[in-house]
C-alpha cells in the first residue's frame, strides 16, 4: 500500500493505493493522522479509488483512523470506494459509521 497526501481547500486528502492489509502501513497511516491533528488539520478525506483489495486488518486501520480523528476533534470521511470495497463496507455494516461520497470534491464540500 502507498499513501499520498494533498491539501485541497479546507481538507487533507489521503489517497491509499494498492492492497490495504494493515501491518506496518497501518502504523504509518495512524502516525500521519496524529501529525495532521497536531497541525490542527481536522478535515480528512480518504480516497479509496486506487485500492485494489482490503482485508479485515485494512478495515481495522480505517476504523482506528476514524476513532483517532474523532477523539482529536476531527472528521474522517471516505470517498471513491470501488464496488468491491463498498460491498465490504456494507457487509460489515461500516457503511453506517463512515460518511462516504462518490467523489473527493463532494466529500470536501460536505465539511462546509
C-alpha atoms as a PDB file:
ATOM      1  CA  UNK A   1       0.000   0.000   0.000  1.00  0.00           C
ATOM      2  CA  UNK A   2       1.155   3.506  -0.802  1.00  0.00           C
ATOM      3  CA  UNK A   3      -0.043   6.637   0.974  1.00  0.00           C
ATOM      4  CA  UNK A   4      -0.138  10.022  -0.746  1.00  0.00           C
ATOM      5  CA  UNK A   5      -1.459  13.242   0.793  1.00  0.00           C
ATOM      6  CA  UNK A   6      -2.599  16.510  -0.718  1.00  0.00           C
ATOM      7  CA  UNK A   7      -4.273  19.555   0.770  1.00  0.00           C
ATOM      8  CA  UNK A   8      -7.357  20.680  -1.062  1.00  0.00           C
ATOM      9  CA  UNK A   9      -9.366  23.677   0.164  1.00  0.00           C
ATOM     10  CA  UNK A  10     -10.262  23.044   3.799  1.00  0.00           C
ATOM     11  CA  UNK A  11      -9.325  19.357   3.852  1.00  0.00           C
ATOM     12  CA  UNK A  12      -6.422  16.943   3.616  1.00  0.00           C
ATOM     13  CA  UNK A  13      -6.933  14.190   1.058  1.00  0.00           C
ATOM     14  CA  UNK A  14      -5.181  10.918   1.845  1.00  0.00           C
ATOM     15  CA  UNK A  15      -5.000   8.670  -1.198  1.00  0.00           C
ATOM     16  CA  UNK A  16      -4.454   4.974  -0.497  1.00  0.00           C
ATOM     17  CA  UNK A  17      -3.105   2.845  -3.363  1.00  0.00           C
ATOM     18  CA  UNK A  18      -2.793  -0.908  -3.782  1.00  0.00           C
ATOM     19  CA  UNK A  19      -3.728  -3.523  -1.174  1.00  0.00           C
ATOM     20  CA  UNK A  20      -4.784  -2.235   2.252  1.00  0.00           C
ATOM     21  CA  UNK A  21      -3.831  -5.025   4.620  1.00  0.00           C
ATOM     22  CA  UNK A  22      -2.896  -3.325   7.895  1.00  0.00           C
ATOM     23  CA  UNK A  23       0.562  -4.208   9.225  1.00  0.00           C
ATOM     24  CA  UNK A  24       3.340  -1.582   9.150  1.00  0.00           C
ATOM     25  CA  UNK A  25       1.269   0.617   6.825  1.00  0.00           C
ATOM     26  CA  UNK A  26      -1.426   0.871   9.493  1.00  0.00           C
ATOM     27  CA  UNK A  27       1.122   2.413  11.850  1.00  0.00           C
ATOM     28  CA  UNK A  28       2.239   4.826   9.112  1.00  0.00           C
ATOM     29  CA  UNK A  29      -1.409   5.813   8.448  1.00  0.00           C
ATOM     30  CA  UNK A  30      -2.096   6.324  12.150  1.00  0.00           C
ATOM     31  CA  UNK A  31       1.062   8.415  12.616  1.00  0.00           C
ATOM     32  CA  UNK A  32       0.068  10.553   9.641  1.00  0.00           C
ATOM     33  CA  UNK A  33      -3.365  11.237  11.164  1.00  0.00           C
ATOM     34  CA  UNK A  34      -1.822  12.174  14.530  1.00  0.00           C
ATOM     35  CA  UNK A  35       0.623  14.518  12.771  1.00  0.00           C
ATOM     36  CA  UNK A  36      -2.286  16.172  10.942  1.00  0.00           C
ATOM     37  CA  UNK A  37      -4.171  16.618  14.212  1.00  0.00           C
ATOM     38  CA  UNK A  38      -1.044  18.175  15.759  1.00  0.00           C
ATOM     39  CA  UNK A  39      -1.039  20.664  12.846  1.00  0.00           C
ATOM     40  CA  UNK A  40      -4.734  21.403  13.556  1.00  0.00           C
ATOM     41  CA  UNK A  41      -5.808  19.810  10.257  1.00  0.00           C
ATOM     42  CA  UNK A  42      -9.032  18.108  11.195  1.00  0.00           C
ATOM     43  CA  UNK A  43     -10.932  17.580   7.931  1.00  0.00           C
ATOM     44  CA  UNK A  44      -9.697  14.342   6.376  1.00  0.00           C
ATOM     45  CA  UNK A  45     -10.895  12.595   3.219  1.00  0.00           C
ATOM     46  CA  UNK A  46      -9.562   9.105   2.499  1.00  0.00           C
ATOM     47  CA  UNK A  47      -9.631   8.492  -1.262  1.00  0.00           C
ATOM     48  CA  UNK A  48     -10.130   4.771  -1.904  1.00  0.00           C
ATOM     49  CA  UNK A  49     -10.280   4.916  -5.728  1.00  0.00           C
ATOM     50  CA  UNK A  50      -6.894   3.176  -6.138  1.00  0.00           C
ATOM     51  CA  UNK A  51      -7.432   0.451  -3.526  1.00  0.00           C
ATOM     52  CA  UNK A  52      -7.453  -2.974  -5.170  1.00  0.00           C
ATOM     53  CA  UNK A  53      -8.057  -5.140  -2.088  1.00  0.00           C
ATOM     54  CA  UNK A  54      -8.772  -4.617   1.603  1.00  0.00           C
ATOM     55  CA  UNK A  55      -8.778  -7.255   4.345  1.00  0.00           C
ATOM     56  CA  UNK A  56     -10.075  -7.087   7.921  1.00  0.00           C
ATOM     57  CA  UNK A  57      -6.803  -5.521   9.118  1.00  0.00           C
ATOM     58  CA  UNK A  58      -7.240  -2.818   6.476  1.00  0.00           C
ATOM     59  CA  UNK A  59     -10.767  -2.164   7.739  1.00  0.00           C
ATOM     60  CA  UNK A  60      -9.374  -2.047  11.268  1.00  0.00           C
ATOM     61  CA  UNK A  61      -6.869   0.555  10.125  1.00  0.00           C
ATOM     62  CA  UNK A  62      -9.712   2.758   8.794  1.00  0.00           C
ATOM     63  CA  UNK A  63     -11.750   2.292  11.994  1.00  0.00           C
ATOM     64  CA  UNK A  64      -8.719   3.165  14.120  1.00  0.00           C
ATOM     65  CA  UNK A  65      -8.115   6.255  11.978  1.00  0.00           C
ATOM     66  CA  UNK A  66     -11.762   7.276  12.262  1.00  0.00           C
ATOM     67  CA  UNK A  67     -11.603   6.908  16.062  1.00  0.00           C
ATOM     68  CA  UNK A  68      -8.302   8.817  16.328  1.00  0.00           C
ATOM     69  CA  UNK A  69      -9.707  11.718  14.321  1.00  0.00           C
ATOM     70  CA  UNK A  70     -12.984  11.771  16.264  1.00  0.00           C
ATOM     71  CA  UNK A  71     -11.168  11.720  19.618  1.00  0.00           C
ATOM     72  CA  UNK A  72      -8.911  14.545  18.393  1.00  0.00           C
ATOM     73  CA  UNK A  73     -11.862  16.697  17.350  1.00  0.00           C
ATOM     74  CA  UNK A  74     -11.506  15.888  13.654  1.00  0.00           C
ATOM     75  CA  UNK A  75     -13.599  14.183  10.995  1.00  0.00           C
ATOM     76  CA  UNK A  76     -12.578  11.369   8.633  1.00  0.00           C
ATOM     77  CA  UNK A  77     -14.713  10.702   5.555  1.00  0.00           C
ATOM     78  CA  UNK A  78     -14.331   8.191   2.732  1.00  0.00           C
ATOM     79  CA  UNK A  79     -14.504   8.878  -0.999  1.00  0.00           C
ATOM     80  CA  UNK A  80     -14.437   6.866  -4.219  1.00  0.00           C
ATOM     81  CA  UNK A  81     -14.758   3.370  -2.757  1.00  0.00           C
ATOM     82  CA  UNK A  82     -14.762   0.816  -5.567  1.00  0.00           C
ATOM     83  CA  UNK A  83     -17.718  -1.578  -5.826  1.00  0.00           C
ATOM     84  CA  UNK A  84     -15.653  -4.294  -4.126  1.00  0.00           C
ATOM     85  CA  UNK A  85     -14.672  -2.055  -1.187  1.00  0.00           C
ATOM     86  CA  UNK A  86     -18.178  -0.600  -0.953  1.00  0.00           C
ATOM     87  CA  UNK A  87     -19.724  -4.074  -0.661  1.00  0.00           C
ATOM     88  CA  UNK A  88     -17.181  -4.856   2.085  1.00  0.00           C
ATOM     89  CA  UNK A  89     -18.341  -1.733   3.962  1.00  0.00           C
ATOM     90  CA  UNK A  90     -21.989  -2.786   3.518  1.00  0.00           C
ATOM     91  CA  UNK A  91     -21.427  -6.397   4.642  1.00  0.00           C
ATOM     92  CA  UNK A  92     -19.571  -5.258   7.781  1.00  0.00           C
ATOM     93  CA  UNK A  93     -22.170  -2.500   8.379  1.00  0.00           C
ATOM     94  CA  UNK A  94     -19.306   0.027   8.498  1.00  0.00           C
ATOM     95  CA  UNK A  95     -21.196   1.973   5.836  1.00  0.00           C
ATOM     96  CA  UNK A  96     -23.389   3.191   8.736  1.00  0.00           C
ATOM     97  CA  UNK A  97     -20.341   4.591  10.588  1.00  0.00           C
ATOM     98  CA  UNK A  98     -18.340   6.220   7.813  1.00  0.00           C
ATOM     99  CA  UNK A  99     -19.644   9.100   5.753  1.00  0.00           C
ATOM    100  CA  UNK A 100     -18.973   8.048   2.167  1.00  0.00           C
ATOM    101  CA  UNK A 101     -19.013  10.156  -1.002  1.00  0.00           C
ATOM    102  CA  UNK A 102     -18.805   9.400  -4.734  1.00  0.00           C
ATOM    103  CA  UNK A 103     -16.017  11.936  -5.218  1.00  0.00           C
ATOM    104  CA  UNK A 104     -13.311  13.690  -3.228  1.00  0.00           C
ATOM    105  CA  UNK A 105     -14.839  17.060  -4.151  1.00  0.00           C
ATOM    106  CA  UNK A 106     -18.254  16.092  -2.734  1.00  0.00           C
ATOM    107  CA  UNK A 107     -16.590  14.905   0.482  1.00  0.00           C
ATOM    108  CA  UNK A 108     -14.685  18.193   0.788  1.00  0.00           C
ATOM    109  CA  UNK A 109     -17.867  20.226   0.133  1.00  0.00           C
ATOM    110  CA  UNK A 110     -19.599  18.363   2.983  1.00  0.00           C
ATOM    111  CA  UNK A 111     -17.217  19.943   5.518  1.00  0.00           C
ATOM    112  CA  UNK A 112     -18.679  23.415   4.855  1.00  0.00           C
END
